[in-house]
Amino acid sequence: QTLNATTLLAVPLAPLAGAALAGIFGTALGADHAINYRTHDFVAEVKRLTDGKGVNVVLDMVAGDYIAREVECVAEDGRIVIIAVQGGVQSQFNAGLVLRRRITITGSTLRPRSIEFKTAIAQSLRQHVWPLIESGAIKPVIHSTFAAADAARSHALMESNAHVGKIVLTW
C-alpha cells in the first residue's frame, strides 16, 4: 500500500517465487495489476481481478482502517501479514468473515528482535537476494542521489515523504 523499502524489495521478488501481484503500487515495479487507491475502490478491484475469489496474501504496512477492507479482499485460507502500522494500531473488522474464510492475520516487526536475529536475516538477504541485484534480475529504485555535503537536503526530502525509492548519499 505504500512504497517503503519492504514493498520495493517484495514486489520484484514475489514474481521470482511464482506469485502474481495485484497491489496499490505501480506496474513499473513488477506488479501484474496496479490499483490506484485514490481513484478506485481497492476491494472492488481485487474482487474484479480475482473473479471474486480474493488474494492469497496481503502484505500490510498501513493497518488501522485498512484491515477491515483487507479482510474483504482475502481469499479462503488467505493471510494478512501486518508489518507496520502507519495508519494506526486500532482496527474494527468483520471477525465472522475471518472465521468463515479461515483467514490468518499475523504480524511481525524487526525492532524488538535481537542483533543475532537481524544478522541472520541480513546474511540470508546477502546470500539469496544480493546476487539477484548484482545480476540485474531486480533493480533497486533510486529516487535521488545527494552529495554527503547535502545530507540536510536529503533528510528534508525523506521527512517530506515525497519520494518513491531510496535516497542515496555519495562521498
N, C-alpha and C. Protein backbone atom coordinates (compact mmCIF):
# COMPACT_ATOMS: atom_id res chain seq x y z
N GLN A 1 0.80 -1.18 0.00
CA GLN A 1 0.00 0.00 0.00
C GLN A 1 0.85 1.25 0.00
N THR A 2 2.02 1.16 0.59
CA THR A 2 2.93 2.28 0.49
C THR A 2 4.22 1.78 -0.10
N LEU A 3 4.97 2.67 -0.68
CA LEU A 3 6.20 2.27 -1.34
C LEU A 3 7.39 2.46 -0.41
N ASN A 4 7.43 1.66 0.64
CA ASN A 4 8.58 1.71 1.53
C ASN A 4 9.60 0.68 1.08
N ALA A 5 10.68 0.57 1.84
CA ALA A 5 11.77 -0.34 1.45
C ALA A 5 11.30 -1.78 1.33
N THR A 6 10.40 -2.20 2.20
CA THR A 6 9.91 -3.58 2.14
C THR A 6 9.14 -3.82 0.85
N THR A 7 8.26 -2.91 0.49
CA THR A 7 7.50 -3.05 -0.75
C THR A 7 8.42 -3.06 -1.95
N LEU A 8 9.38 -2.14 -1.95
CA LEU A 8 10.29 -2.03 -3.09
C LEU A 8 11.11 -3.29 -3.29
N LEU A 9 11.30 -4.08 -2.25
CA LEU A 9 12.01 -5.35 -2.38
C LEU A 9 11.04 -6.50 -2.60
N ALA A 10 9.91 -6.50 -1.90
CA ALA A 10 8.96 -7.61 -2.01
C ALA A 10 8.33 -7.70 -3.40
N VAL A 11 8.03 -6.57 -4.00
CA VAL A 11 7.35 -6.59 -5.30
C VAL A 11 8.19 -7.28 -6.38
N PRO A 12 9.46 -6.94 -6.56
CA PRO A 12 10.21 -7.64 -7.60
C PRO A 12 10.59 -9.08 -7.22
N LEU A 13 10.63 -9.40 -5.92
CA LEU A 13 10.96 -10.77 -5.51
C LEU A 13 9.78 -11.73 -5.68
N ALA A 14 8.57 -11.25 -5.46
CA ALA A 14 7.40 -12.13 -5.49
C ALA A 14 7.25 -12.89 -6.81
N PRO A 15 7.36 -12.23 -7.98
CA PRO A 15 7.23 -13.00 -9.23
C PRO A 15 8.32 -14.05 -9.39
N LEU A 16 9.50 -13.80 -8.83
CA LEU A 16 10.57 -14.79 -8.91
C LEU A 16 10.22 -16.05 -8.13
N ALA A 17 9.30 -15.91 -7.17
CA ALA A 17 8.82 -17.05 -6.39
C ALA A 17 7.52 -17.61 -6.98
N GLY A 18 7.10 -17.08 -8.13
CA GLY A 18 5.91 -17.60 -8.80
C GLY A 18 4.62 -16.92 -8.44
N ALA A 19 4.67 -15.79 -7.74
CA ALA A 19 3.45 -15.10 -7.32
C ALA A 19 3.01 -14.09 -8.37
N ALA A 20 1.70 -14.00 -8.59
CA ALA A 20 1.13 -12.92 -9.39
C ALA A 20 0.81 -11.80 -8.41
N LEU A 21 0.99 -10.57 -8.84
CA LEU A 21 0.81 -9.44 -7.93
C LEU A 21 -0.28 -8.49 -8.40
N ALA A 22 -1.12 -8.11 -7.47
CA ALA A 22 -2.04 -7.00 -7.66
C ALA A 22 -1.88 -6.15 -6.43
N GLY A 23 -1.66 -4.86 -6.61
CA GLY A 23 -1.43 -4.07 -5.42
C GLY A 23 -1.59 -2.60 -5.63
N ILE A 24 -1.47 -1.92 -4.53
CA ILE A 24 -1.59 -0.48 -4.54
C ILE A 24 -0.18 0.08 -4.69
N PHE A 25 0.41 -0.25 -5.82
CA PHE A 25 1.73 0.22 -6.22
C PHE A 25 1.79 0.07 -7.72
N GLY A 26 2.83 0.53 -8.36
CA GLY A 26 2.85 0.59 -9.81
C GLY A 26 3.31 -0.66 -10.51
N THR A 27 2.85 -0.84 -11.75
CA THR A 27 3.30 -1.96 -12.57
C THR A 27 4.76 -1.83 -12.92
N ALA A 28 5.31 -0.62 -12.88
CA ALA A 28 6.73 -0.44 -13.18
C ALA A 28 7.60 -1.19 -12.18
N LEU A 29 7.08 -1.45 -11.00
CA LEU A 29 7.83 -2.21 -10.00
C LEU A 29 7.71 -3.71 -10.23
N GLY A 30 6.82 -4.13 -11.10
CA GLY A 30 6.69 -5.55 -11.37
C GLY A 30 5.32 -6.13 -11.06
N ALA A 31 4.39 -5.31 -10.64
CA ALA A 31 3.05 -5.83 -10.35
C ALA A 31 2.34 -6.16 -11.65
N ASP A 32 1.54 -7.22 -11.62
CA ASP A 32 0.73 -7.58 -12.78
C ASP A 32 -0.43 -6.60 -12.96
N HIS A 33 -0.94 -6.10 -11.85
CA HIS A 33 -2.06 -5.15 -11.86
C HIS A 33 -1.80 -4.09 -10.80
N ALA A 34 -1.95 -2.84 -11.16
CA ALA A 34 -1.78 -1.75 -10.19
C ALA A 34 -3.14 -1.15 -9.89
N ILE A 35 -3.36 -0.84 -8.63
CA ILE A 35 -4.63 -0.25 -8.20
C ILE A 35 -4.33 1.10 -7.55
N ASN A 36 -4.90 2.15 -8.09
CA ASN A 36 -4.74 3.48 -7.50
C ASN A 36 -5.83 3.65 -6.44
N TYR A 37 -5.43 3.56 -5.17
CA TYR A 37 -6.41 3.64 -4.09
C TYR A 37 -7.08 5.01 -4.00
N ARG A 38 -6.49 6.02 -4.64
CA ARG A 38 -7.11 7.36 -4.61
C ARG A 38 -8.29 7.46 -5.57
N THR A 39 -8.26 6.67 -6.64
CA THR A 39 -9.31 6.76 -7.66
C THR A 39 -10.17 5.51 -7.77
N HIS A 40 -9.76 4.42 -7.15
CA HIS A 40 -10.51 3.17 -7.25
C HIS A 40 -10.73 2.55 -5.87
N ASP A 41 -11.81 1.84 -5.73
CA ASP A 41 -12.07 1.06 -4.52
C ASP A 41 -11.24 -0.22 -4.63
N PHE A 42 -10.19 -0.34 -3.80
CA PHE A 42 -9.30 -1.48 -3.99
C PHE A 42 -9.97 -2.81 -3.68
N VAL A 43 -10.99 -2.84 -2.82
CA VAL A 43 -11.71 -4.09 -2.56
C VAL A 43 -12.42 -4.53 -3.84
N ALA A 44 -13.13 -3.62 -4.48
CA ALA A 44 -13.84 -3.95 -5.72
C ALA A 44 -12.87 -4.37 -6.82
N GLU A 45 -11.74 -3.68 -6.91
CA GLU A 45 -10.75 -4.01 -7.94
C GLU A 45 -10.14 -5.39 -7.71
N VAL A 46 -9.81 -5.71 -6.46
CA VAL A 46 -9.26 -7.04 -6.16
C VAL A 46 -10.28 -8.11 -6.50
N LYS A 47 -11.52 -7.89 -6.15
CA LYS A 47 -12.56 -8.88 -6.47
C LYS A 47 -12.71 -9.04 -7.98
N ARG A 48 -12.65 -7.92 -8.70
CA ARG A 48 -12.75 -7.98 -10.16
C ARG A 48 -11.57 -8.75 -10.75
N LEU A 49 -10.37 -8.44 -10.28
CA LEU A 49 -9.16 -9.06 -10.84
C LEU A 49 -9.04 -10.54 -10.50
N THR A 50 -9.69 -10.97 -9.43
CA THR A 50 -9.58 -12.37 -9.00
C THR A 50 -10.88 -13.15 -9.22
N ASP A 51 -11.76 -12.62 -10.05
CA ASP A 51 -13.07 -13.25 -10.30
C ASP A 51 -13.82 -13.52 -9.00
N GLY A 52 -13.71 -12.59 -8.06
CA GLY A 52 -14.43 -12.69 -6.81
C GLY A 52 -13.78 -13.56 -5.75
N LYS A 53 -12.67 -14.20 -6.07
CA LYS A 53 -12.03 -15.13 -5.12
C LYS A 53 -11.22 -14.42 -4.05
N GLY A 54 -10.61 -13.31 -4.37
CA GLY A 54 -9.73 -12.62 -3.43
C GLY A 54 -8.29 -13.06 -3.60
N VAL A 55 -7.41 -12.40 -2.88
CA VAL A 55 -5.98 -12.69 -2.96
C VAL A 55 -5.57 -13.65 -1.85
N ASN A 56 -4.46 -14.33 -2.07
CA ASN A 56 -3.97 -15.29 -1.08
C ASN A 56 -3.26 -14.61 0.09
N VAL A 57 -2.54 -13.52 -0.20
CA VAL A 57 -1.76 -12.85 0.84
C VAL A 57 -1.87 -11.34 0.68
N VAL A 58 -2.07 -10.65 1.79
CA VAL A 58 -1.98 -9.19 1.83
C VAL A 58 -0.78 -8.85 2.71
N LEU A 59 0.16 -8.09 2.18
CA LEU A 59 1.28 -7.58 2.95
C LEU A 59 0.91 -6.15 3.34
N ASP A 60 0.61 -5.94 4.61
CA ASP A 60 0.02 -4.69 5.08
C ASP A 60 1.02 -3.86 5.87
N MET A 61 1.27 -2.65 5.39
CA MET A 61 2.13 -1.71 6.09
C MET A 61 1.34 -0.56 6.69
N VAL A 62 0.01 -0.59 6.54
CA VAL A 62 -0.82 0.51 6.99
C VAL A 62 -1.59 0.17 8.26
N ALA A 63 -2.22 -0.99 8.31
CA ALA A 63 -3.07 -1.43 9.43
C ALA A 63 -4.24 -0.47 9.61
N GLY A 64 -4.60 -0.15 10.83
CA GLY A 64 -5.71 0.77 11.08
C GLY A 64 -6.97 0.38 10.33
N ASP A 65 -7.59 1.36 9.70
CA ASP A 65 -8.85 1.14 8.99
C ASP A 65 -8.71 0.23 7.77
N TYR A 66 -7.51 0.04 7.27
CA TYR A 66 -7.32 -0.80 6.09
C TYR A 66 -7.63 -2.27 6.37
N ILE A 67 -7.44 -2.73 7.59
CA ILE A 67 -7.60 -4.15 7.87
C ILE A 67 -9.01 -4.62 7.54
N ALA A 68 -10.02 -3.84 7.86
CA ALA A 68 -11.40 -4.23 7.56
C ALA A 68 -11.59 -4.48 6.07
N ARG A 69 -11.00 -3.62 5.24
CA ARG A 69 -11.13 -3.79 3.79
C ARG A 69 -10.26 -4.93 3.29
N GLU A 70 -9.11 -5.13 3.92
CA GLU A 70 -8.25 -6.24 3.52
C GLU A 70 -8.91 -7.58 3.79
N VAL A 71 -9.63 -7.68 4.91
CA VAL A 71 -10.36 -8.91 5.22
C VAL A 71 -11.33 -9.23 4.08
N GLU A 72 -11.94 -8.21 3.51
CA GLU A 72 -12.87 -8.42 2.39
C GLU A 72 -12.14 -8.87 1.12
N CYS A 73 -10.86 -8.56 1.00
CA CYS A 73 -10.07 -8.87 -0.20
C CYS A 73 -9.43 -10.26 -0.18
N VAL A 74 -9.36 -10.88 0.99
CA VAL A 74 -8.59 -12.11 1.13
C VAL A 74 -9.44 -13.33 0.78
N ALA A 75 -8.83 -14.24 0.05
CA ALA A 75 -9.49 -15.49 -0.35
C ALA A 75 -9.61 -16.43 0.85
N GLU A 76 -10.36 -17.49 0.66
CA GLU A 76 -10.43 -18.54 1.68
C GLU A 76 -9.03 -19.06 1.96
N ASP A 77 -8.74 -19.29 3.23
CA ASP A 77 -7.43 -19.77 3.69
C ASP A 77 -6.31 -18.78 3.39
N GLY A 78 -6.66 -17.52 3.15
CA GLY A 78 -5.66 -16.50 2.86
C GLY A 78 -5.05 -15.93 4.13
N ARG A 79 -4.09 -15.03 3.94
CA ARG A 79 -3.36 -14.45 5.06
C ARG A 79 -3.23 -12.94 4.91
N ILE A 80 -3.29 -12.27 6.03
CA ILE A 80 -2.96 -10.86 6.12
C ILE A 80 -1.74 -10.78 7.02
N VAL A 81 -0.66 -10.22 6.49
CA VAL A 81 0.59 -10.10 7.25
C VAL A 81 0.83 -8.62 7.51
N ILE A 82 0.75 -8.22 8.76
CA ILE A 82 0.92 -6.82 9.14
C ILE A 82 2.38 -6.62 9.55
N ILE A 83 3.06 -5.68 8.85
CA ILE A 83 4.46 -5.44 9.17
C ILE A 83 4.73 -3.98 9.56
N ALA A 84 3.70 -3.16 9.58
CA ALA A 84 3.84 -1.78 10.05
C ALA A 84 2.44 -1.27 10.37
N VAL A 85 2.37 -0.18 11.09
CA VAL A 85 1.08 0.38 11.50
C VAL A 85 1.01 1.87 11.18
N GLN A 86 1.35 2.22 9.95
CA GLN A 86 1.37 3.62 9.54
C GLN A 86 0.00 4.28 9.62
N GLY A 87 -1.07 3.48 9.54
CA GLY A 87 -2.42 4.01 9.60
C GLY A 87 -3.06 3.90 10.98
N GLY A 88 -2.30 3.45 11.96
CA GLY A 88 -2.81 3.33 13.32
C GLY A 88 -2.85 1.89 13.80
N VAL A 89 -2.95 1.74 15.11
CA VAL A 89 -2.91 0.41 15.72
C VAL A 89 -4.29 -0.17 16.00
N GLN A 90 -5.33 0.65 15.94
CA GLN A 90 -6.68 0.18 16.21
C GLN A 90 -7.41 -0.15 14.92
N SER A 91 -8.23 -1.21 14.97
CA SER A 91 -9.00 -1.59 13.79
C SER A 91 -10.26 -2.32 14.20
N GLN A 92 -11.33 -2.10 13.45
CA GLN A 92 -12.54 -2.89 13.60
C GLN A 92 -12.76 -3.61 12.29
N PHE A 93 -12.98 -4.93 12.36
CA PHE A 93 -13.21 -5.71 11.15
C PHE A 93 -14.20 -6.81 11.44
N ASN A 94 -14.69 -7.44 10.39
CA ASN A 94 -15.69 -8.49 10.48
C ASN A 94 -15.03 -9.81 10.87
N ALA A 95 -15.03 -10.12 12.16
CA ALA A 95 -14.41 -11.36 12.64
C ALA A 95 -15.14 -12.58 12.10
N GLY A 96 -16.44 -12.45 11.85
CA GLY A 96 -17.18 -13.58 11.28
C GLY A 96 -16.65 -13.96 9.91
N LEU A 97 -16.30 -12.96 9.11
CA LEU A 97 -15.72 -13.21 7.78
C LEU A 97 -14.36 -13.88 7.91
N VAL A 98 -13.59 -13.45 8.90
CA VAL A 98 -12.28 -14.08 9.15
C VAL A 98 -12.48 -15.57 9.45
N LEU A 99 -13.46 -15.89 10.27
CA LEU A 99 -13.73 -17.29 10.62
C LEU A 99 -14.24 -18.08 9.42
N ARG A 100 -15.22 -17.54 8.71
CA ARG A 100 -15.80 -18.26 7.57
C ARG A 100 -14.77 -18.55 6.49
N ARG A 101 -13.88 -17.60 6.24
CA ARG A 101 -12.87 -17.79 5.19
C ARG A 101 -11.58 -18.41 5.71
N ARG A 102 -11.51 -18.65 7.02
CA ARG A 102 -10.31 -19.24 7.62
C ARG A 102 -9.08 -18.37 7.34
N ILE A 103 -9.23 -17.08 7.53
CA ILE A 103 -8.16 -16.11 7.26
C ILE A 103 -7.21 -16.07 8.46
N THR A 104 -5.94 -16.09 8.18
CA THR A 104 -4.92 -15.94 9.22
C THR A 104 -4.42 -14.50 9.20
N ILE A 105 -4.46 -13.85 10.35
CA ILE A 105 -3.92 -12.50 10.48
C ILE A 105 -2.72 -12.60 11.42
N THR A 106 -1.58 -12.18 10.93
CA THR A 106 -0.36 -12.26 11.72
C THR A 106 0.44 -10.98 11.55
N GLY A 107 1.40 -10.79 12.40
CA GLY A 107 2.21 -9.59 12.31
C GLY A 107 3.62 -9.83 12.78
N SER A 108 4.51 -8.95 12.35
CA SER A 108 5.90 -9.06 12.77
C SER A 108 6.59 -7.72 12.55
N THR A 109 7.55 -7.46 13.38
CA THR A 109 8.40 -6.29 13.22
C THR A 109 9.81 -6.67 13.68
N LEU A 110 10.79 -6.05 13.08
CA LEU A 110 12.17 -6.36 13.44
C LEU A 110 12.67 -5.57 14.65
N ARG A 111 12.02 -4.48 14.97
CA ARG A 111 12.55 -3.59 16.01
C ARG A 111 12.90 -4.30 17.32
N PRO A 112 12.02 -5.14 17.89
CA PRO A 112 12.38 -5.75 19.18
C PRO A 112 13.28 -6.99 19.06
N ARG A 113 13.58 -7.40 17.84
CA ARG A 113 14.38 -8.62 17.65
C ARG A 113 15.84 -8.39 18.02
N SER A 114 16.50 -9.47 18.35
CA SER A 114 17.90 -9.41 18.77
C SER A 114 18.81 -9.09 17.58
N ILE A 115 19.99 -8.61 17.90
CA ILE A 115 21.00 -8.34 16.87
C ILE A 115 21.33 -9.64 16.13
N GLU A 116 21.35 -10.76 16.85
CA GLU A 116 21.66 -12.05 16.21
C GLU A 116 20.60 -12.40 15.16
N PHE A 117 19.34 -12.18 15.49
CA PHE A 117 18.25 -12.47 14.55
C PHE A 117 18.36 -11.58 13.32
N LYS A 118 18.58 -10.28 13.55
CA LYS A 118 18.71 -9.34 12.43
C LYS A 118 19.93 -9.67 11.58
N THR A 119 21.01 -10.11 12.22
CA THR A 119 22.21 -10.50 11.49
C THR A 119 21.93 -11.70 10.59
N ALA A 120 21.18 -12.67 11.10
CA ALA A 120 20.83 -13.85 10.30
C ALA A 120 20.00 -13.45 9.08
N ILE A 121 19.08 -12.51 9.25
CA ILE A 121 18.28 -12.03 8.11
C ILE A 121 19.18 -11.33 7.10
N ALA A 122 20.07 -10.48 7.58
CA ALA A 122 20.98 -9.76 6.68
C ALA A 122 21.86 -10.75 5.91
N GLN A 123 22.33 -11.79 6.58
CA GLN A 123 23.16 -12.79 5.90
C GLN A 123 22.36 -13.55 4.84
N SER A 124 21.10 -13.87 5.16
CA SER A 124 20.25 -14.56 4.19
C SER A 124 19.97 -13.67 2.98
N LEU A 125 19.70 -12.40 3.22
CA LEU A 125 19.49 -11.46 2.11
C LEU A 125 20.74 -11.37 1.25
N ARG A 126 21.89 -11.31 1.90
CA ARG A 126 23.16 -11.24 1.16
C ARG A 126 23.35 -12.48 0.29
N GLN A 127 22.98 -13.63 0.82
CA GLN A 127 23.17 -14.89 0.09
C GLN A 127 22.14 -15.07 -1.03
N HIS A 128 20.89 -14.73 -0.76
CA HIS A 128 19.82 -15.06 -1.70
C HIS A 128 19.34 -13.90 -2.56
N VAL A 129 19.38 -12.68 -2.04
CA VAL A 129 18.83 -11.54 -2.76
C VAL A 129 19.92 -10.71 -3.44
N TRP A 130 21.03 -10.51 -2.78
CA TRP A 130 22.09 -9.67 -3.35
C TRP A 130 22.51 -10.15 -4.73
N PRO A 131 22.67 -11.47 -4.96
CA PRO A 131 23.03 -11.92 -6.32
C PRO A 131 21.99 -11.51 -7.37
N LEU A 132 20.72 -11.43 -6.99
CA LEU A 132 19.68 -11.00 -7.93
C LEU A 132 19.84 -9.52 -8.27
N ILE A 133 20.27 -8.74 -7.31
CA ILE A 133 20.52 -7.32 -7.55
C ILE A 133 21.76 -7.17 -8.43
N GLU A 134 22.82 -7.91 -8.10
CA GLU A 134 24.06 -7.83 -8.89
C GLU A 134 23.85 -8.25 -10.34
N SER A 135 22.99 -9.25 -10.56
CA SER A 135 22.75 -9.74 -11.92
C SER A 135 21.77 -8.85 -12.70
N GLY A 136 21.09 -7.95 -12.00
CA GLY A 136 20.11 -7.09 -12.65
C GLY A 136 18.72 -7.71 -12.70
N ALA A 137 18.54 -8.90 -12.11
CA ALA A 137 17.21 -9.53 -12.09
C ALA A 137 16.22 -8.66 -11.32
N ILE A 138 16.68 -8.00 -10.29
CA ILE A 138 15.88 -6.98 -9.62
C ILE A 138 16.74 -5.73 -9.49
N LYS A 139 16.09 -4.61 -9.65
CA LYS A 139 16.81 -3.33 -9.64
C LYS A 139 16.30 -2.47 -8.50
N PRO A 140 17.21 -1.93 -7.70
CA PRO A 140 16.77 -1.02 -6.65
C PRO A 140 16.15 0.24 -7.26
N VAL A 141 15.17 0.79 -6.58
CA VAL A 141 14.53 2.02 -7.03
C VAL A 141 15.21 3.18 -6.31
N ILE A 142 15.93 3.99 -7.07
CA ILE A 142 16.63 5.14 -6.52
C ILE A 142 15.85 6.39 -6.88
N HIS A 143 15.38 7.12 -5.88
CA HIS A 143 14.65 8.36 -6.13
C HIS A 143 15.62 9.49 -6.47
N SER A 144 16.65 9.63 -5.64
CA SER A 144 17.60 10.71 -5.88
C SER A 144 18.91 10.42 -5.16
N THR A 145 19.94 11.10 -5.63
CA THR A 145 21.28 10.97 -5.06
C THR A 145 21.76 12.36 -4.64
N PHE A 146 22.34 12.43 -3.45
CA PHE A 146 22.86 13.68 -2.92
C PHE A 146 24.31 13.50 -2.52
N ALA A 147 25.10 14.53 -2.69
CA ALA A 147 26.45 14.53 -2.13
C ALA A 147 26.31 14.58 -0.61
N ALA A 148 27.28 13.98 0.08
CA ALA A 148 27.22 13.95 1.55
C ALA A 148 27.08 15.35 2.13
N ALA A 149 27.65 16.33 1.47
CA ALA A 149 27.55 17.72 1.95
C ALA A 149 26.10 18.21 1.93
N ASP A 150 25.24 17.58 1.13
CA ASP A 150 23.83 17.95 1.04
C ASP A 150 22.94 17.02 1.87
N ALA A 151 23.50 16.41 2.90
CA ALA A 151 22.74 15.46 3.72
C ALA A 151 21.49 16.10 4.31
N ALA A 152 21.57 17.37 4.67
CA ALA A 152 20.40 18.04 5.24
C ALA A 152 19.25 18.09 4.24
N ARG A 153 19.57 18.36 2.97
CA ARG A 153 18.52 18.37 1.92
C ARG A 153 17.92 16.98 1.74
N SER A 154 18.77 15.96 1.77
CA SER A 154 18.26 14.59 1.60
C SER A 154 17.35 14.22 2.76
N HIS A 155 17.71 14.66 3.95
CA HIS A 155 16.89 14.36 5.13
C HIS A 155 15.55 15.09 5.03
N ALA A 156 15.57 16.32 4.56
CA ALA A 156 14.31 17.07 4.38
C ALA A 156 13.40 16.36 3.38
N LEU A 157 13.99 15.84 2.31
CA LEU A 157 13.20 15.09 1.33
C LEU A 157 12.59 13.86 1.98
N MET A 158 13.38 13.15 2.76
CA MET A 158 12.87 11.95 3.43
C MET A 158 11.74 12.31 4.38
N GLU A 159 11.89 13.37 5.14
CA GLU A 159 10.84 13.81 6.07
C GLU A 159 9.58 14.24 5.35
N SER A 160 9.71 14.77 4.13
CA SER A 160 8.55 15.23 3.38
C SER A 160 7.70 14.07 2.87
N ASN A 161 8.29 12.89 2.82
CA ASN A 161 7.60 11.69 2.33
C ASN A 161 7.15 11.87 0.88
N ALA A 162 7.87 12.69 0.13
CA ALA A 162 7.52 12.96 -1.27
C ALA A 162 8.36 12.14 -2.23
N HIS A 163 9.03 11.13 -1.74
CA HIS A 163 9.90 10.33 -2.60
C HIS A 163 9.36 8.90 -2.73
N VAL A 164 9.72 8.27 -3.82
CA VAL A 164 9.45 6.84 -4.02
C VAL A 164 10.79 6.21 -4.33
N GLY A 165 11.24 5.34 -3.48
CA GLY A 165 12.54 4.72 -3.66
C GLY A 165 13.54 5.24 -2.65
N LYS A 166 14.75 4.82 -2.83
CA LYS A 166 15.81 5.14 -1.89
C LYS A 166 16.42 6.51 -2.18
N ILE A 167 16.88 7.14 -1.12
CA ILE A 167 17.64 8.38 -1.21
C ILE A 167 19.08 8.00 -0.87
N VAL A 168 20.00 8.28 -1.79
CA VAL A 168 21.38 7.83 -1.66
C VAL A 168 22.29 9.02 -1.40
N LEU A 169 23.19 8.85 -0.43
CA LEU A 169 24.24 9.84 -0.18
C LEU A 169 25.54 9.32 -0.78
N THR A 170 26.27 10.19 -1.45
CA THR A 170 27.56 9.79 -2.04
C THR A 170 28.67 10.60 -1.40
N TRP A 171 29.85 10.00 -1.34
CA TRP A 171 31.04 10.67 -0.79
C TRP A 171 32.08 10.82 -1.85
